[in-house]
């Protein structure tokens, strides 16, 4: 499930791309297909990083790359282990809502990015996320859960305070929103409810098969109920 539109990032051979909060490496995989890039994934979850290594190793095995390289590292978004201006692109997808110290996180995202280069930040969209909070108290209270619900303007101001200029935005994953509403309705920790499992199988099939009709529905509904808000910035020179 790719949230970022890489076509907006003007990725060139030799670029270094950081995905902080990379999870199991879905965006690193998408970055790695660009010619001669270095794709770095960073996360605090060791299990997710191991899954990322397996995913990118498979890409190497089947030749799904163009002469680039990749690596994963364990890192805290508020204390990134990289030098200033180390990267040509920085991605931060569905991470900021988990971070207690959002100012420190925003500062680090811009610190490691080169001037004039793009930063992408995505978070859960306000109203689909608010429904989840209303349906289930446990959704936001579990360890490592969501600490806040962002709206667009405060998040833009947060990133711009640390030296970036907002460019544009879009919404993504509208057909995923009902899955989370269902999950919150029956209990976020339940794994045995037929409706939730049926919808999950549909989403897995959609991600793997990418049928035209569900892609069309997703694009049609994204402006109205897209679950993710995706913001594009450029670091000031």
Protein backbone atom coordinates (compact mmCIF):
# COMPACT_ATOMS: atom_id res chain seq x y z
CA UNK A 1 0.00 0.00 0.00
CA UNK A 2 1.89 3.04 -1.29
CA UNK A 3 0.78 6.40 0.10
CA UNK A 4 3.38 8.69 -1.49
CA UNK A 5 3.20 9.76 -5.14
CA UNK A 6 6.82 9.33 -6.20
CA UNK A 7 6.09 11.06 -9.51
CA UNK A 8 5.99 14.36 -7.58
CA UNK A 9 9.50 13.98 -6.14
CA UNK A 10 11.77 14.33 -9.19
CA UNK A 11 14.01 11.46 -8.10
CA UNK A 12 17.28 11.28 -10.03
CA UNK A 13 20.14 8.76 -10.27
CA UNK A 14 22.40 9.01 -7.25
CA UNK A 15 19.74 10.40 -4.91
CA UNK A 16 19.69 9.28 -1.28
CA UNK A 17 16.19 8.61 0.04
CA UNK A 18 15.27 8.22 3.71
CA UNK A 19 12.01 6.69 4.92
CA UNK A 20 11.77 7.28 8.66
CA UNK A 21 9.23 5.00 10.32
CA UNK A 22 9.60 2.67 7.37
CA UNK A 23 7.87 -0.33 8.94
CA UNK A 24 8.35 -3.40 6.77
CA UNK A 25 9.68 -1.33 3.87
CA UNK A 26 6.76 -0.67 1.53
CA UNK A 27 7.96 2.82 0.54
CA UNK A 28 11.61 1.77 0.49
CA UNK A 29 10.63 -0.90 -2.03
CA UNK A 30 8.89 1.72 -4.17
CA UNK A 31 11.89 4.07 -3.92
CA UNK A 32 14.36 1.31 -4.77
CA UNK A 33 12.98 0.82 -8.28
CA UNK A 34 14.32 4.25 -9.28
CA UNK A 35 17.63 4.27 -11.11
CA UNK A 36 20.81 4.15 -8.99
CA UNK A 37 19.27 5.46 -5.77
CA UNK A 38 20.32 4.69 -2.22
CA UNK A 39 17.19 3.85 -0.21
CA UNK A 40 17.50 3.91 3.59
CA UNK A 41 14.74 2.70 5.90
CA UNK A 42 14.73 3.61 9.60
CA UNK A 43 12.37 2.41 12.33
CA UNK A 44 12.33 1.56 16.03
CA UNK A 45 10.70 -1.86 15.53
CA UNK A 46 13.31 -4.56 14.99
CA UNK A 47 10.73 -7.08 13.75
CA UNK A 48 9.53 -4.68 11.05
CA UNK A 49 13.11 -3.97 9.99
CA UNK A 50 13.77 -7.69 9.54
CA UNK A 51 10.69 -7.90 7.32
CA UNK A 52 12.05 -4.97 5.34
CA UNK A 53 15.36 -6.76 4.82
CA UNK A 54 13.50 -9.81 3.51
CA UNK A 55 11.40 -7.65 1.20
CA UNK A 56 14.36 -5.81 -0.34
CA UNK A 57 16.43 -9.00 -0.55
CA UNK A 58 13.62 -10.48 -2.62
CA UNK A 59 13.72 -7.41 -4.88
CA UNK A 60 17.42 -8.05 -5.42
CA UNK A 61 16.77 -11.72 -6.08
CA UNK A 62 14.23 -11.05 -8.84
CA UNK A 63 16.17 -8.09 -10.26
CA UNK A 64 13.48 -5.51 -9.43
CA UNK A 65 15.92 -2.60 -9.18
CA UNK A 66 18.08 -0.39 -11.38
CA UNK A 67 21.56 -0.44 -9.96
CA UNK A 68 20.80 1.15 -6.61
CA UNK A 69 21.43 0.08 -3.02
CA UNK A 70 19.45 -0.16 0.20
CA UNK A 71 19.93 -0.44 3.97
CA UNK A 72 17.86 -0.49 7.14
CA UNK A 73 18.71 0.90 10.56
CA UNK A 74 17.05 1.22 13.95
CA UNK A 75 16.54 4.90 14.73
CA UNK A 76 14.44 7.34 16.75
CA UNK A 77 12.81 10.10 14.67
CA UNK A 78 13.67 12.67 17.35
CA UNK A 79 17.40 11.73 17.28
CA UNK A 80 18.29 10.57 13.79
CA UNK A 81 21.80 9.09 13.40
CA UNK A 82 22.55 10.99 10.18
CA UNK A 83 24.57 14.08 9.40
CA UNK A 84 22.96 17.38 8.44
CA UNK A 85 21.72 17.56 4.83
CA UNK A 86 22.36 13.86 4.18
CA UNK A 87 19.35 13.08 1.97
CA UNK A 88 17.79 14.24 -1.28
CA UNK A 89 14.31 12.99 -0.30
CA UNK A 90 12.81 12.32 3.14
CA UNK A 91 9.57 10.37 3.64
CA UNK A 92 7.62 10.15 6.90
CA UNK A 93 4.42 8.18 6.38
CA UNK A 94 1.91 7.59 9.22
CA UNK A 95 4.44 8.33 11.95
CA UNK A 96 3.89 11.81 13.42
CA UNK A 97 0.60 10.84 15.09
CA UNK A 98 2.56 8.37 17.28
CA UNK A 99 5.31 10.78 18.42
CA UNK A 100 5.06 12.54 21.82
CA UNK A 101 7.60 15.22 20.86
CA UNK A 102 6.35 16.40 17.47
CA UNK A 103 8.52 19.54 17.39
CA UNK A 104 11.71 17.52 17.84
CA UNK A 105 10.58 15.09 15.15
CA UNK A 106 9.81 17.85 12.65
CA UNK A 107 13.17 19.50 13.35
CA UNK A 108 15.04 16.26 12.66
CA UNK A 109 13.17 15.59 9.41
CA UNK A 110 14.35 18.94 8.06
CA UNK A 111 17.84 18.73 9.56
CA UNK A 112 18.82 15.61 7.58
CA UNK A 113 17.27 16.87 4.31
CA UNK A 114 19.28 18.88 1.78
CA UNK A 115 18.11 22.46 1.06
CA UNK A 116 15.72 22.70 -1.88
CA UNK A 117 14.76 19.02 -1.63
CA UNK A 118 11.37 17.39 -0.96
CA UNK A 119 9.88 16.16 2.30
CA UNK A 120 6.68 14.10 2.34
CA UNK A 121 4.66 13.71 5.54
CA UNK A 122 1.46 11.70 5.74
CA UNK A 123 -0.89 11.27 8.70
CA UNK A 124 -4.40 9.88 9.20
CA UNK A 125 -7.01 12.32 7.91
CA UNK A 126 -9.01 14.09 10.62
CA UNK A 127 -12.58 12.89 10.15
CA UNK A 128 -12.00 9.22 9.28
CA UNK A 129 -9.59 9.07 12.23
CA UNK A 130 -12.07 10.84 14.52
CA UNK A 131 -14.66 8.17 13.77
CA UNK A 132 -12.16 5.52 14.89
CA UNK A 133 -11.61 7.37 18.16
CA UNK A 134 -15.36 7.69 18.73
CA UNK A 135 -16.05 4.03 17.99
CA UNK A 136 -13.31 2.65 20.22
CA UNK A 137 -11.60 4.04 23.28
CA UNK A 138 -8.97 1.30 22.98
CA UNK A 139 -7.98 2.40 19.45
CA UNK A 140 -6.04 5.42 20.71
CA UNK A 141 -5.08 4.13 24.16
CA UNK A 142 -3.01 1.06 23.25
CA UNK A 143 0.78 1.32 23.74
CA UNK A 144 2.31 2.86 20.65
CA UNK A 145 -1.11 4.08 19.49
CA UNK A 146 -2.15 7.42 18.07
CA UNK A 147 -1.54 10.35 20.42
CA UNK A 148 -3.30 13.07 18.41
CA UNK A 149 -5.48 13.74 15.38
CA UNK A 150 -4.01 16.22 12.93
CA UNK A 151 -5.81 18.67 10.72
CA UNK A 152 -4.01 20.07 7.72
CA UNK A 153 -3.21 23.64 8.77
CA UNK A 154 -1.59 22.89 12.16
CA UNK A 155 0.56 20.17 10.60
CA UNK A 156 1.65 22.47 7.77
CA UNK A 157 2.55 25.17 10.32
CA UNK A 158 4.52 22.62 12.37
CA UNK A 159 6.68 21.58 9.42
CA UNK A 160 7.10 25.12 8.08
CA UNK A 161 8.32 26.35 11.49
CA UNK A 162 11.40 24.20 11.02
CA UNK A 163 12.40 25.51 7.61
CA UNK A 164 10.18 24.16 4.84
CA UNK A 165 7.61 25.48 2.39
CA UNK A 166 4.34 23.68 1.79
CA UNK A 167 3.73 22.74 -1.86
CA UNK A 168 0.63 20.57 -2.27
CA UNK A 169 -1.37 17.68 -0.83
CA UNK A 170 -3.70 14.82 -1.64
CA UNK A 171 -5.71 12.15 0.17
CA UNK A 172 -5.22 8.40 -0.17
CA UNK A 173 -6.68 5.00 0.69
CA UNK A 174 -10.39 5.75 0.85
CA UNK A 175 -11.36 2.08 0.60
CA UNK A 176 -9.24 1.36 3.69
CA UNK A 177 -11.25 3.68 5.95
CA UNK A 178 -14.26 1.32 6.37
CA UNK A 179 -11.93 -1.49 7.42
CA UNK A 180 -10.71 0.54 10.39
CA UNK A 181 -14.25 1.62 11.29
CA UNK A 182 -15.33 -2.02 11.31
CA UNK A 183 -12.31 -2.99 13.37
CA UNK A 184 -12.99 -0.27 15.94
CA UNK A 185 -16.68 -1.17 16.07
CA UNK A 186 -16.06 -4.81 16.99
CA UNK A 187 -12.89 -4.13 19.04
CA UNK A 188 -9.43 -3.23 17.66
CA UNK A 189 -7.75 -6.31 19.16
CA UNK A 190 -10.26 -8.86 17.82
CA UNK A 191 -8.97 -11.13 15.08
CA UNK A 192 -11.99 -13.44 14.78
CA UNK A 193 -14.82 -11.27 13.44
CA UNK A 194 -16.05 -12.45 10.05
CA UNK A 195 -16.81 -8.97 8.65
CA UNK A 196 -13.41 -7.58 9.57
CA UNK A 197 -11.58 -10.60 8.18
CA UNK A 198 -13.63 -10.55 4.98
CA UNK A 199 -12.85 -6.88 4.38
CA UNK A 200 -9.18 -7.52 5.18
CA UNK A 201 -9.03 -10.25 2.55
CA UNK A 202 -10.59 -7.87 0.05
CA UNK A 203 -7.93 -5.21 0.79
CA UNK A 204 -5.12 -7.74 0.51
CA UNK A 205 -6.50 -8.89 -2.83
CA UNK A 206 -6.83 -5.29 -3.99
CA UNK A 207 -3.21 -4.44 -3.05
CA UNK A 208 -1.84 -7.49 -4.86
CA UNK A 209 -4.13 -7.49 -7.91
CA UNK A 210 -4.82 -3.76 -8.34
CA UNK A 211 -8.07 -4.28 -10.29
CA UNK A 212 -9.27 -1.30 -12.29
CA UNK A 213 -12.68 -1.02 -10.66
CA UNK A 214 -11.34 -0.74 -7.08
CA UNK A 215 -8.57 1.65 -8.18
CA UNK A 216 -11.26 3.82 -9.80
CA UNK A 217 -13.46 3.74 -6.69
CA UNK A 218 -10.48 4.56 -4.47
CA UNK A 219 -9.51 7.58 -6.60
CA UNK A 220 -13.13 8.72 -6.81
CA UNK A 221 -13.64 8.62 -3.05
CA UNK A 222 -10.21 9.87 -1.93
CA UNK A 223 -11.18 13.57 -1.90
CA UNK A 224 -14.17 12.73 0.30
CA UNK A 225 -13.02 9.92 2.61
CA UNK A 226 -9.36 9.17 1.88
CA UNK A 227 -7.94 7.85 5.14
CA UNK A 228 -4.51 9.47 4.74
CA UNK A 229 -3.58 13.14 4.33
CA UNK A 230 -0.34 13.39 2.33
CA UNK A 231 1.59 16.68 2.42
CA UNK A 232 4.51 17.69 0.18
CA UNK A 233 7.10 20.27 1.27
CA UNK A 234 10.41 21.65 0.02
CA UNK A 235 13.18 22.51 2.46
CA UNK A 236 14.07 26.19 2.32
CA UNK A 237 17.44 27.13 0.85
